[in-house]
N, C-alpha and C. Protein backbone atom coordinates (compact mmCIF):
# COMPACT_ATOMS: atom_id res chain seq x y z
N MET A 1 11.54 -7.84 13.44
CA MET A 1 11.52 -7.22 12.12
C MET A 1 10.75 -5.91 12.15
N THR A 2 10.48 -5.38 13.33
CA THR A 2 9.79 -4.08 13.42
C THR A 2 10.81 -2.98 13.63
N GLN A 3 10.63 -1.87 12.93
CA GLN A 3 11.55 -0.75 13.04
C GLN A 3 10.83 0.52 12.60
N PRO A 4 11.37 1.71 12.92
CA PRO A 4 10.72 2.94 12.49
C PRO A 4 10.64 3.00 10.96
N PRO A 5 9.65 3.71 10.41
CA PRO A 5 9.52 3.82 8.95
C PRO A 5 10.80 4.39 8.34
N LEU A 6 11.21 3.81 7.21
CA LEU A 6 12.42 4.26 6.53
C LEU A 6 12.08 5.29 5.46
N LYS A 7 13.01 6.18 5.23
CA LYS A 7 12.87 7.14 4.13
C LYS A 7 13.51 6.51 2.91
N LEU A 8 12.71 6.18 1.90
CA LEU A 8 13.20 5.51 0.70
C LEU A 8 13.30 6.52 -0.45
N PRO A 9 14.14 6.23 -1.46
CA PRO A 9 14.45 7.24 -2.47
C PRO A 9 13.26 7.77 -3.24
N ASP A 10 12.32 6.88 -3.63
CA ASP A 10 11.23 7.36 -4.48
C ASP A 10 9.95 7.62 -3.70
N SER A 11 10.09 7.71 -2.36
CA SER A 11 8.88 7.89 -1.60
C SER A 11 8.67 9.34 -1.29
N GLY A 12 7.55 9.78 -1.71
CA GLY A 12 7.26 11.15 -1.39
C GLY A 12 6.20 11.34 -0.37
N PRO A 13 4.91 10.88 -0.49
CA PRO A 13 4.62 9.59 0.13
C PRO A 13 4.90 8.42 -0.80
N SER A 14 5.10 7.23 -0.18
CA SER A 14 5.41 6.04 -0.96
C SER A 14 4.16 5.42 -1.56
N SER A 15 2.99 5.85 -1.14
CA SER A 15 1.75 5.30 -1.70
C SER A 15 0.65 6.34 -1.58
N HIS A 16 -0.37 6.18 -2.42
CA HIS A 16 -1.54 7.05 -2.29
C HIS A 16 -2.78 6.19 -2.18
N ALA A 17 -3.82 6.72 -1.55
CA ALA A 17 -5.02 5.94 -1.26
C ALA A 17 -6.11 6.23 -2.29
N LEU A 18 -6.77 5.17 -2.72
CA LEU A 18 -7.94 5.30 -3.57
C LEU A 18 -9.17 5.44 -2.68
N PRO A 19 -10.31 5.89 -3.23
CA PRO A 19 -11.50 6.12 -2.40
C PRO A 19 -11.97 4.89 -1.62
N ASP A 20 -11.72 3.68 -2.15
CA ASP A 20 -12.18 2.47 -1.46
C ASP A 20 -11.18 1.96 -0.43
N GLY A 21 -10.09 2.70 -0.19
CA GLY A 21 -9.14 2.30 0.84
C GLY A 21 -7.92 1.56 0.32
N ARG A 22 -7.89 1.24 -0.98
CA ARG A 22 -6.71 0.59 -1.54
C ARG A 22 -5.55 1.56 -1.61
N LEU A 23 -4.39 1.13 -1.15
CA LEU A 23 -3.18 1.91 -1.31
C LEU A 23 -2.47 1.47 -2.59
N VAL A 24 -1.89 2.44 -3.29
CA VAL A 24 -1.17 2.16 -4.53
C VAL A 24 0.24 2.71 -4.38
N ALA A 25 1.23 1.84 -4.48
CA ALA A 25 2.63 2.26 -4.39
C ALA A 25 3.22 2.33 -5.80
N PRO A 26 3.76 3.49 -6.20
CA PRO A 26 4.34 3.60 -7.54
C PRO A 26 5.43 2.57 -7.81
N SER A 27 6.25 2.27 -6.81
CA SER A 27 7.32 1.28 -7.02
C SER A 27 6.76 -0.09 -7.33
N ALA A 28 5.64 -0.46 -6.66
CA ALA A 28 5.01 -1.75 -6.93
C ALA A 28 4.43 -1.81 -8.33
N GLU A 29 3.91 -0.68 -8.81
CA GLU A 29 3.41 -0.64 -10.18
C GLU A 29 4.53 -0.80 -11.19
N ARG A 30 5.68 -0.17 -10.92
CA ARG A 30 6.81 -0.21 -11.85
C ARG A 30 7.41 -1.61 -11.97
N ASN A 31 7.55 -2.30 -10.84
CA ASN A 31 8.28 -3.57 -10.92
C ASN A 31 7.39 -4.79 -11.12
N ALA A 32 6.07 -4.61 -11.19
CA ALA A 32 5.16 -5.75 -11.26
C ALA A 32 5.42 -6.62 -12.49
N ALA A 33 5.49 -6.03 -13.68
CA ALA A 33 5.57 -6.83 -14.92
C ALA A 33 6.80 -7.73 -14.94
N PRO A 34 8.02 -7.22 -14.70
CA PRO A 34 9.18 -8.13 -14.74
C PRO A 34 9.16 -9.18 -13.64
N ILE A 35 8.64 -8.82 -12.46
CA ILE A 35 8.56 -9.81 -11.38
C ILE A 35 7.56 -10.91 -11.75
N PHE A 36 6.40 -10.51 -12.24
CA PHE A 36 5.37 -11.50 -12.59
C PHE A 36 5.86 -12.43 -13.69
N GLU A 37 6.58 -11.88 -14.65
CA GLU A 37 7.08 -12.69 -15.76
C GLU A 37 8.02 -13.78 -15.26
N ARG A 38 8.89 -13.43 -14.33
CA ARG A 38 9.83 -14.42 -13.79
C ARG A 38 9.15 -15.35 -12.79
N LEU A 39 8.25 -14.81 -11.98
CA LEU A 39 7.56 -15.63 -10.98
C LEU A 39 6.72 -16.72 -11.63
N ALA A 40 6.24 -16.46 -12.85
CA ALA A 40 5.39 -17.43 -13.56
C ALA A 40 6.07 -18.79 -13.71
N GLU A 41 7.40 -18.80 -13.74
CA GLU A 41 8.14 -20.07 -13.89
C GLU A 41 8.03 -20.95 -12.65
N TYR A 42 7.63 -20.36 -11.52
CA TYR A 42 7.66 -21.09 -10.25
C TYR A 42 6.30 -21.20 -9.57
N VAL A 43 5.27 -20.58 -10.14
CA VAL A 43 3.93 -20.69 -9.55
C VAL A 43 3.45 -22.13 -9.70
N PRO A 44 3.04 -22.78 -8.63
CA PRO A 44 2.61 -24.19 -8.71
C PRO A 44 1.26 -24.33 -9.40
N ASP A 45 0.93 -25.56 -9.77
CA ASP A 45 -0.37 -25.84 -10.40
C ASP A 45 -1.50 -25.82 -9.37
N HIS A 46 -1.14 -26.07 -8.11
CA HIS A 46 -2.14 -26.11 -7.03
C HIS A 46 -1.43 -25.79 -5.73
N GLY A 47 -2.18 -25.78 -4.63
CA GLY A 47 -1.59 -25.50 -3.33
C GLY A 47 -1.62 -24.03 -2.99
N MET A 48 -0.78 -23.65 -2.04
CA MET A 48 -0.80 -22.30 -1.51
C MET A 48 0.50 -21.56 -1.81
N VAL A 49 0.35 -20.26 -2.13
CA VAL A 49 1.48 -19.36 -2.31
C VAL A 49 1.39 -18.27 -1.24
N LEU A 50 2.47 -18.05 -0.53
CA LEU A 50 2.53 -17.04 0.52
C LEU A 50 3.35 -15.85 0.06
N GLU A 51 2.76 -14.67 0.14
CA GLU A 51 3.51 -13.43 -0.11
C GLU A 51 3.92 -12.84 1.22
N LEU A 52 5.23 -12.68 1.42
CA LEU A 52 5.73 -12.03 2.62
C LEU A 52 5.76 -10.52 2.40
N ALA A 53 5.48 -9.77 3.46
CA ALA A 53 5.52 -8.30 3.40
C ALA A 53 4.68 -7.79 2.23
N SER A 54 3.39 -8.11 2.25
CA SER A 54 2.49 -7.78 1.13
C SER A 54 2.34 -6.28 0.91
N GLY A 55 2.57 -5.48 1.94
CA GLY A 55 2.51 -4.03 1.77
C GLY A 55 1.11 -3.57 1.39
N THR A 56 1.00 -2.91 0.25
CA THR A 56 -0.30 -2.40 -0.18
C THR A 56 -1.27 -3.52 -0.53
N GLY A 57 -0.74 -4.67 -1.00
CA GLY A 57 -1.59 -5.78 -1.43
C GLY A 57 -1.84 -5.82 -2.91
N GLN A 58 -1.30 -4.85 -3.66
CA GLN A 58 -1.64 -4.77 -5.08
C GLN A 58 -1.01 -5.89 -5.91
N HIS A 59 0.19 -6.35 -5.55
CA HIS A 59 0.81 -7.44 -6.30
C HIS A 59 0.01 -8.73 -6.17
N ILE A 60 -0.28 -9.14 -4.95
CA ILE A 60 -0.92 -10.43 -4.76
C ILE A 60 -2.36 -10.42 -5.27
N ALA A 61 -3.00 -9.26 -5.26
CA ALA A 61 -4.36 -9.17 -5.83
C ALA A 61 -4.33 -9.45 -7.32
N ALA A 62 -3.33 -8.90 -8.02
CA ALA A 62 -3.21 -9.16 -9.45
C ALA A 62 -2.87 -10.62 -9.72
N LEU A 63 -1.99 -11.20 -8.92
CA LEU A 63 -1.58 -12.58 -9.13
C LEU A 63 -2.72 -13.57 -8.89
N ALA A 64 -3.55 -13.27 -7.90
CA ALA A 64 -4.69 -14.15 -7.62
C ALA A 64 -5.62 -14.24 -8.83
N GLY A 65 -5.78 -13.13 -9.54
CA GLY A 65 -6.60 -13.14 -10.74
C GLY A 65 -5.97 -13.90 -11.88
N MET A 66 -4.64 -13.92 -11.92
CA MET A 66 -3.93 -14.59 -13.01
C MET A 66 -3.86 -16.10 -12.82
N TYR A 67 -3.91 -16.55 -11.57
CA TYR A 67 -3.76 -17.98 -11.27
C TYR A 67 -4.88 -18.43 -10.35
N PRO A 68 -6.07 -18.68 -10.90
CA PRO A 68 -7.24 -18.97 -10.06
C PRO A 68 -7.22 -20.34 -9.38
N ASP A 69 -6.32 -21.24 -9.81
CA ASP A 69 -6.28 -22.58 -9.21
C ASP A 69 -5.35 -22.66 -8.00
N VAL A 70 -4.73 -21.55 -7.67
CA VAL A 70 -3.80 -21.51 -6.55
C VAL A 70 -4.39 -20.64 -5.45
N ALA A 71 -4.18 -21.03 -4.19
CA ALA A 71 -4.61 -20.20 -3.05
C ALA A 71 -3.49 -19.21 -2.74
N TRP A 72 -3.83 -17.92 -2.75
CA TRP A 72 -2.84 -16.85 -2.52
C TRP A 72 -3.04 -16.27 -1.12
N GLN A 73 -1.97 -16.34 -0.32
CA GLN A 73 -2.03 -15.91 1.08
C GLN A 73 -1.21 -14.64 1.30
N PRO A 74 -1.85 -13.48 1.45
CA PRO A 74 -1.09 -12.27 1.77
C PRO A 74 -0.72 -12.23 3.25
N SER A 75 0.38 -11.56 3.55
CA SER A 75 0.80 -11.41 4.94
C SER A 75 1.62 -10.13 5.07
N ASP A 76 1.66 -9.61 6.28
CA ASP A 76 2.50 -8.45 6.56
C ASP A 76 2.73 -8.38 8.06
N ALA A 77 3.86 -7.77 8.42
CA ALA A 77 4.15 -7.61 9.85
C ALA A 77 3.47 -6.39 10.44
N SER A 78 2.90 -5.53 9.58
CA SER A 78 2.28 -4.30 10.03
C SER A 78 0.76 -4.40 10.01
N ASP A 79 0.15 -4.17 11.15
CA ASP A 79 -1.31 -4.18 11.23
C ASP A 79 -1.93 -3.08 10.38
N GLU A 80 -1.17 -1.99 10.16
CA GLU A 80 -1.68 -0.86 9.38
C GLU A 80 -1.92 -1.23 7.91
N ARG A 81 -1.25 -2.26 7.42
CA ARG A 81 -1.39 -2.66 6.02
C ARG A 81 -2.60 -3.54 5.77
N MET A 82 -3.23 -4.06 6.82
CA MET A 82 -4.33 -5.00 6.64
C MET A 82 -5.51 -4.37 5.90
N ASP A 83 -5.81 -3.10 6.18
CA ASP A 83 -6.96 -2.46 5.54
C ASP A 83 -6.79 -2.37 4.04
N SER A 84 -5.58 -1.98 3.59
CA SER A 84 -5.34 -1.88 2.15
C SER A 84 -5.39 -3.26 1.49
N ILE A 85 -4.77 -4.25 2.12
CA ILE A 85 -4.79 -5.61 1.54
C ILE A 85 -6.23 -6.11 1.43
N ASN A 86 -7.02 -5.88 2.47
CA ASN A 86 -8.43 -6.30 2.43
C ASN A 86 -9.21 -5.53 1.37
N ALA A 87 -8.88 -4.25 1.18
CA ALA A 87 -9.56 -3.47 0.14
C ALA A 87 -9.23 -4.00 -1.25
N TRP A 88 -7.98 -4.39 -1.47
CA TRP A 88 -7.62 -5.00 -2.75
C TRP A 88 -8.33 -6.33 -2.94
N ARG A 89 -8.45 -7.08 -1.84
CA ARG A 89 -9.15 -8.37 -1.91
C ARG A 89 -10.61 -8.17 -2.29
N ALA A 90 -11.25 -7.18 -1.69
CA ALA A 90 -12.65 -6.89 -2.01
C ALA A 90 -12.78 -6.40 -3.46
N HIS A 91 -11.81 -5.61 -3.90
CA HIS A 91 -11.85 -5.06 -5.26
C HIS A 91 -11.75 -6.16 -6.31
N THR A 92 -10.87 -7.13 -6.09
CA THR A 92 -10.70 -8.20 -7.08
C THR A 92 -11.85 -9.21 -7.02
N GLY A 93 -12.38 -9.44 -5.82
CA GLY A 93 -13.44 -10.44 -5.66
C GLY A 93 -12.96 -11.85 -5.93
N ALA A 94 -11.66 -12.07 -5.86
CA ALA A 94 -11.10 -13.40 -6.16
C ALA A 94 -11.30 -14.34 -4.98
N ASP A 95 -11.97 -15.46 -5.23
CA ASP A 95 -12.22 -16.43 -4.17
C ASP A 95 -10.93 -17.08 -3.66
N ASN A 96 -9.90 -17.10 -4.48
CA ASN A 96 -8.65 -17.77 -4.12
C ASN A 96 -7.66 -16.84 -3.42
N LEU A 97 -8.08 -15.59 -3.15
CA LEU A 97 -7.24 -14.64 -2.40
C LEU A 97 -7.72 -14.64 -0.96
N ARG A 98 -6.88 -15.15 -0.08
CA ARG A 98 -7.27 -15.34 1.31
C ARG A 98 -7.20 -14.04 2.11
N ASP A 99 -7.84 -14.07 3.28
CA ASP A 99 -7.70 -12.96 4.22
C ASP A 99 -6.22 -12.81 4.60
N PRO A 100 -5.73 -11.59 4.71
CA PRO A 100 -4.33 -11.41 5.10
C PRO A 100 -4.08 -11.84 6.55
N VAL A 101 -2.86 -12.29 6.78
CA VAL A 101 -2.47 -12.67 8.15
C VAL A 101 -1.33 -11.78 8.61
N LEU A 102 -1.35 -11.44 9.89
CA LEU A 102 -0.22 -10.74 10.49
C LEU A 102 0.92 -11.74 10.69
N LEU A 103 2.04 -11.47 10.07
CA LEU A 103 3.15 -12.42 10.14
C LEU A 103 4.47 -11.65 10.19
N ASN A 104 5.15 -11.76 11.30
CA ASN A 104 6.53 -11.30 11.40
C ASN A 104 7.39 -12.50 11.02
N ALA A 105 7.90 -12.50 9.79
CA ALA A 105 8.56 -13.68 9.24
C ALA A 105 9.91 -13.97 9.88
N SER A 106 10.39 -13.05 10.75
CA SER A 106 11.63 -13.32 11.48
C SER A 106 11.36 -14.06 12.79
N LYS A 107 10.08 -14.29 13.08
CA LYS A 107 9.68 -15.07 14.25
C LYS A 107 9.19 -16.45 13.79
N PRO A 108 8.87 -17.38 14.72
CA PRO A 108 8.39 -18.70 14.29
C PRO A 108 7.18 -18.60 13.37
N TRP A 109 7.18 -19.42 12.33
CA TRP A 109 6.11 -19.42 11.34
C TRP A 109 4.98 -20.36 11.74
N PRO A 110 3.74 -20.02 11.39
CA PRO A 110 2.65 -20.98 11.58
C PRO A 110 2.72 -22.08 10.52
N ASP A 111 1.91 -23.11 10.71
CA ASP A 111 1.82 -24.16 9.69
C ASP A 111 0.91 -23.70 8.57
N PHE A 112 1.38 -23.83 7.33
CA PHE A 112 0.58 -23.51 6.16
C PHE A 112 0.40 -24.79 5.35
N PRO A 113 -0.82 -25.32 5.26
CA PRO A 113 -1.03 -26.56 4.52
C PRO A 113 -0.73 -26.39 3.03
N ASP A 114 -0.09 -27.41 2.44
CA ASP A 114 0.16 -27.47 1.00
C ASP A 114 0.89 -26.21 0.51
N PHE A 115 1.91 -25.82 1.23
CA PHE A 115 2.63 -24.56 1.01
C PHE A 115 3.70 -24.78 -0.06
N ARG A 116 3.46 -24.26 -1.27
CA ARG A 116 4.29 -24.58 -2.44
C ARG A 116 5.27 -23.49 -2.85
N LEU A 117 4.97 -22.24 -2.52
CA LEU A 117 5.83 -21.14 -2.97
C LEU A 117 5.73 -19.99 -1.97
N ALA A 118 6.89 -19.48 -1.58
CA ALA A 118 6.96 -18.22 -0.81
C ALA A 118 7.70 -17.21 -1.67
N TYR A 119 7.19 -16.00 -1.71
CA TYR A 119 7.95 -14.98 -2.44
C TYR A 119 7.95 -13.68 -1.64
N VAL A 120 9.02 -12.94 -1.83
CA VAL A 120 9.20 -11.70 -1.09
C VAL A 120 9.85 -10.67 -2.02
N VAL A 121 9.35 -9.46 -1.97
CA VAL A 121 9.80 -8.39 -2.87
C VAL A 121 10.35 -7.23 -2.03
N ASN A 122 11.59 -6.87 -2.31
CA ASN A 122 12.19 -5.66 -1.70
C ASN A 122 12.09 -5.63 -0.18
N LEU A 123 12.59 -6.69 0.44
CA LEU A 123 12.59 -6.73 1.91
C LEU A 123 13.99 -6.89 2.49
N PHE A 124 14.82 -7.73 1.89
CA PHE A 124 16.06 -8.14 2.55
C PHE A 124 17.01 -6.96 2.81
N HIS A 125 17.00 -5.93 1.97
CA HIS A 125 17.89 -4.79 2.21
C HIS A 125 17.34 -3.84 3.29
N LEU A 126 16.09 -4.09 3.70
CA LEU A 126 15.45 -3.20 4.68
C LEU A 126 15.44 -3.78 6.09
N ILE A 127 16.00 -4.97 6.27
CA ILE A 127 16.01 -5.62 7.59
C ILE A 127 17.43 -6.08 7.91
N PRO A 128 17.76 -6.26 9.21
CA PRO A 128 19.10 -6.70 9.60
C PRO A 128 19.41 -8.12 9.12
N GLN A 129 20.68 -8.44 9.07
CA GLN A 129 21.12 -9.77 8.63
C GLN A 129 20.49 -10.89 9.47
N GLN A 130 20.43 -10.68 10.80
CA GLN A 130 19.88 -11.75 11.64
C GLN A 130 18.41 -12.02 11.30
N ASP A 131 17.68 -10.98 10.89
CA ASP A 131 16.29 -11.18 10.49
C ASP A 131 16.20 -11.89 9.14
N VAL A 132 17.11 -11.57 8.22
CA VAL A 132 17.15 -12.27 6.94
C VAL A 132 17.37 -13.77 7.17
N VAL A 133 18.31 -14.10 8.04
CA VAL A 133 18.58 -15.51 8.36
C VAL A 133 17.32 -16.17 8.92
N ALA A 134 16.62 -15.48 9.81
CA ALA A 134 15.40 -16.04 10.41
C ALA A 134 14.31 -16.24 9.36
N VAL A 135 14.18 -15.30 8.43
CA VAL A 135 13.17 -15.43 7.36
C VAL A 135 13.49 -16.64 6.49
N ILE A 136 14.74 -16.79 6.13
CA ILE A 136 15.16 -17.92 5.29
C ILE A 136 14.88 -19.24 6.00
N ARG A 137 15.21 -19.32 7.27
CA ARG A 137 14.99 -20.56 8.02
C ARG A 137 13.50 -20.84 8.20
N GLY A 138 12.72 -19.77 8.40
CA GLY A 138 11.28 -19.95 8.51
C GLY A 138 10.68 -20.51 7.24
N ALA A 139 11.09 -19.96 6.09
CA ALA A 139 10.59 -20.45 4.80
C ALA A 139 11.02 -21.88 4.56
N ALA A 140 12.29 -22.18 4.86
CA ALA A 140 12.81 -23.53 4.63
C ALA A 140 12.05 -24.57 5.47
N GLY A 141 11.71 -24.19 6.68
CA GLY A 141 10.99 -25.13 7.53
C GLY A 141 9.53 -25.31 7.15
N ALA A 142 8.91 -24.26 6.63
CA ALA A 142 7.46 -24.30 6.37
C ALA A 142 7.09 -24.82 4.99
N LEU A 143 7.98 -24.65 4.00
CA LEU A 143 7.65 -25.06 2.64
C LEU A 143 7.45 -26.56 2.53
N ALA A 144 6.55 -26.95 1.65
CA ALA A 144 6.40 -28.36 1.31
C ALA A 144 7.60 -28.81 0.50
N THR A 145 7.88 -30.11 0.51
CA THR A 145 8.95 -30.66 -0.31
C THR A 145 8.75 -30.27 -1.77
N GLY A 146 9.80 -29.78 -2.39
CA GLY A 146 9.72 -29.34 -3.77
C GLY A 146 9.29 -27.90 -3.92
N GLY A 147 8.90 -27.25 -2.82
CA GLY A 147 8.46 -25.86 -2.87
C GLY A 147 9.61 -24.90 -3.12
N HIS A 148 9.29 -23.71 -3.61
CA HIS A 148 10.29 -22.71 -3.97
C HIS A 148 10.21 -21.48 -3.07
N PHE A 149 11.36 -20.84 -2.89
CA PHE A 149 11.45 -19.54 -2.23
C PHE A 149 12.00 -18.57 -3.26
N PHE A 150 11.21 -17.53 -3.58
CA PHE A 150 11.52 -16.56 -4.63
C PHE A 150 11.79 -15.22 -3.97
N ILE A 151 13.00 -14.70 -4.14
CA ILE A 151 13.44 -13.48 -3.45
C ILE A 151 13.83 -12.44 -4.49
N TYR A 152 13.18 -11.29 -4.46
CA TYR A 152 13.48 -10.20 -5.40
C TYR A 152 14.00 -9.00 -4.64
N GLY A 153 15.00 -8.35 -5.21
CA GLY A 153 15.48 -7.11 -4.61
C GLY A 153 16.86 -6.75 -5.09
N PRO A 154 17.43 -5.68 -4.52
CA PRO A 154 18.79 -5.27 -4.86
C PRO A 154 19.82 -5.97 -3.97
N PHE A 155 20.92 -6.38 -4.57
CA PHE A 155 21.98 -7.07 -3.82
C PHE A 155 23.34 -6.59 -4.32
N ARG A 156 24.34 -6.76 -3.48
CA ARG A 156 25.73 -6.60 -3.91
C ARG A 156 26.25 -7.94 -4.42
N THR A 157 27.35 -7.88 -5.18
CA THR A 157 28.06 -9.10 -5.60
C THR A 157 29.49 -8.99 -5.11
N ASP A 158 29.89 -9.91 -4.24
CA ASP A 158 31.24 -9.87 -3.65
C ASP A 158 31.56 -8.51 -3.06
N GLY A 159 30.56 -7.89 -2.42
CA GLY A 159 30.77 -6.60 -1.78
C GLY A 159 30.73 -5.41 -2.71
N THR A 160 30.50 -5.67 -4.00
CA THR A 160 30.50 -4.60 -5.00
C THR A 160 29.08 -4.23 -5.38
N PHE A 161 28.77 -2.95 -5.39
CA PHE A 161 27.44 -2.49 -5.79
C PHE A 161 27.32 -2.54 -7.31
N ARG A 162 26.11 -2.74 -7.76
CA ARG A 162 25.87 -2.91 -9.19
C ARG A 162 25.74 -1.58 -9.92
N SER A 163 25.63 -0.49 -9.18
CA SER A 163 25.57 0.85 -9.78
C SER A 163 25.88 1.87 -8.71
N GLU A 164 26.16 3.10 -9.13
CA GLU A 164 26.36 4.19 -8.19
C GLU A 164 25.08 4.49 -7.41
N GLY A 165 23.94 4.35 -8.10
CA GLY A 165 22.66 4.56 -7.43
C GLY A 165 22.45 3.57 -6.30
N ASP A 166 22.87 2.31 -6.52
CA ASP A 166 22.76 1.31 -5.46
C ASP A 166 23.63 1.68 -4.27
N ALA A 167 24.85 2.15 -4.55
CA ALA A 167 25.75 2.53 -3.46
C ALA A 167 25.15 3.68 -2.65
N ARG A 168 24.54 4.64 -3.34
CA ARG A 168 23.92 5.77 -2.63
C ARG A 168 22.72 5.31 -1.80
N PHE A 169 21.91 4.42 -2.37
CA PHE A 169 20.73 3.91 -1.66
C PHE A 169 21.17 3.16 -0.40
N HIS A 170 22.18 2.30 -0.54
CA HIS A 170 22.70 1.55 0.61
C HIS A 170 23.17 2.51 1.70
N ALA A 171 23.89 3.56 1.29
CA ALA A 171 24.40 4.53 2.27
C ALA A 171 23.26 5.25 2.99
N SER A 172 22.18 5.54 2.25
CA SER A 172 21.04 6.22 2.87
C SER A 172 20.35 5.30 3.87
N LEU A 173 20.34 4.01 3.59
CA LEU A 173 19.72 3.05 4.51
C LEU A 173 20.55 2.88 5.78
N THR A 174 21.86 2.69 5.61
CA THR A 174 22.70 2.47 6.79
C THR A 174 22.81 3.73 7.64
N ALA A 175 22.61 4.90 7.04
CA ALA A 175 22.60 6.14 7.82
C ALA A 175 21.39 6.18 8.75
N GLN A 176 20.30 5.56 8.32
CA GLN A 176 19.09 5.51 9.15
C GLN A 176 19.15 4.38 10.17
N ASN A 177 19.79 3.27 9.78
CA ASN A 177 19.92 2.12 10.67
C ASN A 177 21.15 1.34 10.23
N PRO A 178 22.22 1.36 11.01
CA PRO A 178 23.46 0.70 10.58
C PRO A 178 23.35 -0.81 10.44
N LEU A 179 22.26 -1.40 10.93
CA LEU A 179 22.10 -2.86 10.85
C LEU A 179 21.49 -3.31 9.52
N ILE A 180 20.95 -2.36 8.74
CA ILE A 180 20.29 -2.75 7.50
C ILE A 180 21.15 -2.36 6.30
N GLY A 181 20.63 -2.58 5.10
CA GLY A 181 21.36 -2.27 3.88
C GLY A 181 21.50 -3.49 2.99
N TYR A 182 22.16 -3.29 1.87
CA TYR A 182 22.29 -4.34 0.86
C TYR A 182 23.03 -5.56 1.44
N LYS A 183 22.56 -6.74 1.05
CA LYS A 183 23.23 -7.99 1.42
C LYS A 183 23.98 -8.51 0.19
N ASP A 184 25.06 -9.24 0.44
CA ASP A 184 25.80 -9.85 -0.65
C ASP A 184 25.05 -11.07 -1.18
N LEU A 185 24.99 -11.17 -2.50
CA LEU A 185 24.35 -12.33 -3.14
C LEU A 185 24.94 -13.63 -2.61
N GLU A 186 26.26 -13.68 -2.50
CA GLU A 186 26.92 -14.92 -2.07
C GLU A 186 26.54 -15.30 -0.64
N TRP A 187 26.38 -14.28 0.21
CA TRP A 187 25.98 -14.54 1.60
C TRP A 187 24.56 -15.10 1.66
N VAL A 188 23.65 -14.51 0.88
CA VAL A 188 22.27 -15.00 0.86
C VAL A 188 22.22 -16.43 0.34
N GLU A 189 22.96 -16.71 -0.72
CA GLU A 189 22.99 -18.08 -1.25
C GLU A 189 23.51 -19.06 -0.21
N ALA A 190 24.54 -18.67 0.52
CA ALA A 190 25.10 -19.54 1.55
C ALA A 190 24.09 -19.80 2.67
N GLU A 191 23.33 -18.76 3.05
CA GLU A 191 22.33 -18.94 4.11
C GLU A 191 21.18 -19.82 3.63
N LEU A 192 20.78 -19.69 2.39
CA LEU A 192 19.74 -20.56 1.84
C LEU A 192 20.18 -22.02 1.88
N CYS A 193 21.42 -22.26 1.47
CA CYS A 193 21.94 -23.63 1.49
C CYS A 193 22.08 -24.15 2.92
N ALA A 194 22.52 -23.28 3.83
CA ALA A 194 22.66 -23.70 5.23
C ALA A 194 21.32 -24.07 5.84
N ALA A 195 20.23 -23.48 5.32
CA ALA A 195 18.89 -23.79 5.81
C ALA A 195 18.31 -25.05 5.15
N GLY A 196 19.06 -25.66 4.25
CA GLY A 196 18.61 -26.90 3.63
C GLY A 196 17.95 -26.72 2.28
N LEU A 197 18.05 -25.51 1.72
CA LEU A 197 17.47 -25.26 0.40
C LEU A 197 18.56 -25.36 -0.67
N SER A 198 18.14 -25.62 -1.90
CA SER A 198 19.06 -25.68 -3.03
C SER A 198 18.84 -24.46 -3.93
N ILE A 199 19.92 -23.84 -4.38
CA ILE A 199 19.80 -22.71 -5.28
C ILE A 199 19.38 -23.22 -6.66
N VAL A 200 18.29 -22.71 -7.17
CA VAL A 200 17.77 -23.11 -8.48
C VAL A 200 18.25 -22.15 -9.56
N ALA A 201 18.20 -20.86 -9.29
CA ALA A 201 18.56 -19.88 -10.32
C ALA A 201 18.77 -18.52 -9.68
N VAL A 202 19.55 -17.71 -10.37
CA VAL A 202 19.67 -16.27 -10.07
C VAL A 202 19.38 -15.55 -11.38
N HIS A 203 18.36 -14.70 -11.37
CA HIS A 203 17.92 -14.00 -12.57
C HIS A 203 18.22 -12.51 -12.46
N GLU A 204 18.70 -11.92 -13.55
CA GLU A 204 18.88 -10.47 -13.64
C GLU A 204 17.55 -9.84 -14.03
N LEU A 205 17.14 -8.80 -13.31
CA LEU A 205 15.93 -8.05 -13.64
C LEU A 205 16.27 -6.58 -13.85
N PRO A 206 15.34 -5.79 -14.38
CA PRO A 206 15.63 -4.38 -14.62
C PRO A 206 16.03 -3.62 -13.36
N ALA A 207 16.68 -2.48 -13.57
CA ALA A 207 17.08 -1.56 -12.50
C ALA A 207 18.04 -2.22 -11.52
N ASN A 208 18.90 -3.12 -12.03
CA ASN A 208 19.96 -3.76 -11.24
C ASN A 208 19.43 -4.66 -10.12
N ASN A 209 18.19 -5.10 -10.24
CA ASN A 209 17.65 -6.02 -9.24
C ASN A 209 17.90 -7.46 -9.65
N LEU A 210 17.87 -8.33 -8.65
CA LEU A 210 18.06 -9.76 -8.89
C LEU A 210 16.87 -10.53 -8.35
N VAL A 211 16.66 -11.72 -8.90
CA VAL A 211 15.77 -12.71 -8.30
C VAL A 211 16.61 -13.92 -7.94
N ILE A 212 16.53 -14.33 -6.70
CA ILE A 212 17.20 -15.55 -6.24
C ILE A 212 16.10 -16.57 -5.96
N VAL A 213 16.22 -17.75 -6.54
CA VAL A 213 15.22 -18.79 -6.36
C VAL A 213 15.89 -20.01 -5.73
N ALA A 214 15.31 -20.49 -4.64
CA ALA A 214 15.80 -21.70 -3.97
C ALA A 214 14.65 -22.68 -3.85
N GLN A 215 14.98 -23.95 -3.70
CA GLN A 215 13.97 -25.01 -3.63
C GLN A 215 14.24 -25.92 -2.46
N LYS A 216 13.17 -26.41 -1.86
CA LYS A 216 13.29 -27.40 -0.79
C LYS A 216 13.35 -28.78 -1.41
N PRO A 217 14.49 -29.45 -1.31
CA PRO A 217 14.65 -30.75 -1.99
C PRO A 217 13.87 -31.86 -1.29
N ALA A 218 13.67 -32.94 -2.01
CA ALA A 218 12.97 -34.11 -1.46
C ALA A 218 13.83 -34.76 -0.38
């Protein structure tokens, strides 16, 4: 799941640094409220929640403050992101926000005790299909029974883009790497089911994004 940095539409730089080392990504600020509102339906009463590809760390830092009875585990495949995630952790002072872990989710996953929810934001269109399959299988294997996998991002439906902007974004991604780009909703659902998960819901979110939620059955 490692690849050269991508040029994304709203990145000028994609983030700016605060004096204490926290990185702030404008896109993460924009999409936080609708994601948090929908994620609230699936946050467990206890146990651990894993954020894949934590990036700057600003989302999980806010969530840790909102849900103090849950252990929040940040992770990222990039060692460069650890400093920002740790700076956000220090800024919040939340005891339930764990030290970040280096995790390439397309490789074998470690054991996470009492693992109730995995969520990922804006990743699947940035990695190849084979890596998406590996991430899904990793989550399916690691989640506790009854746990949820929450996936947010842009998707196609039956090969059709949801807007002209989505079609342009997909084209810009595949021009940089022909193996990446938008995935079909139906394909992702099929891979989740093939990994032993059940589709719970598909939610429409602003800016043509979707949330796909799957659950590990008993």
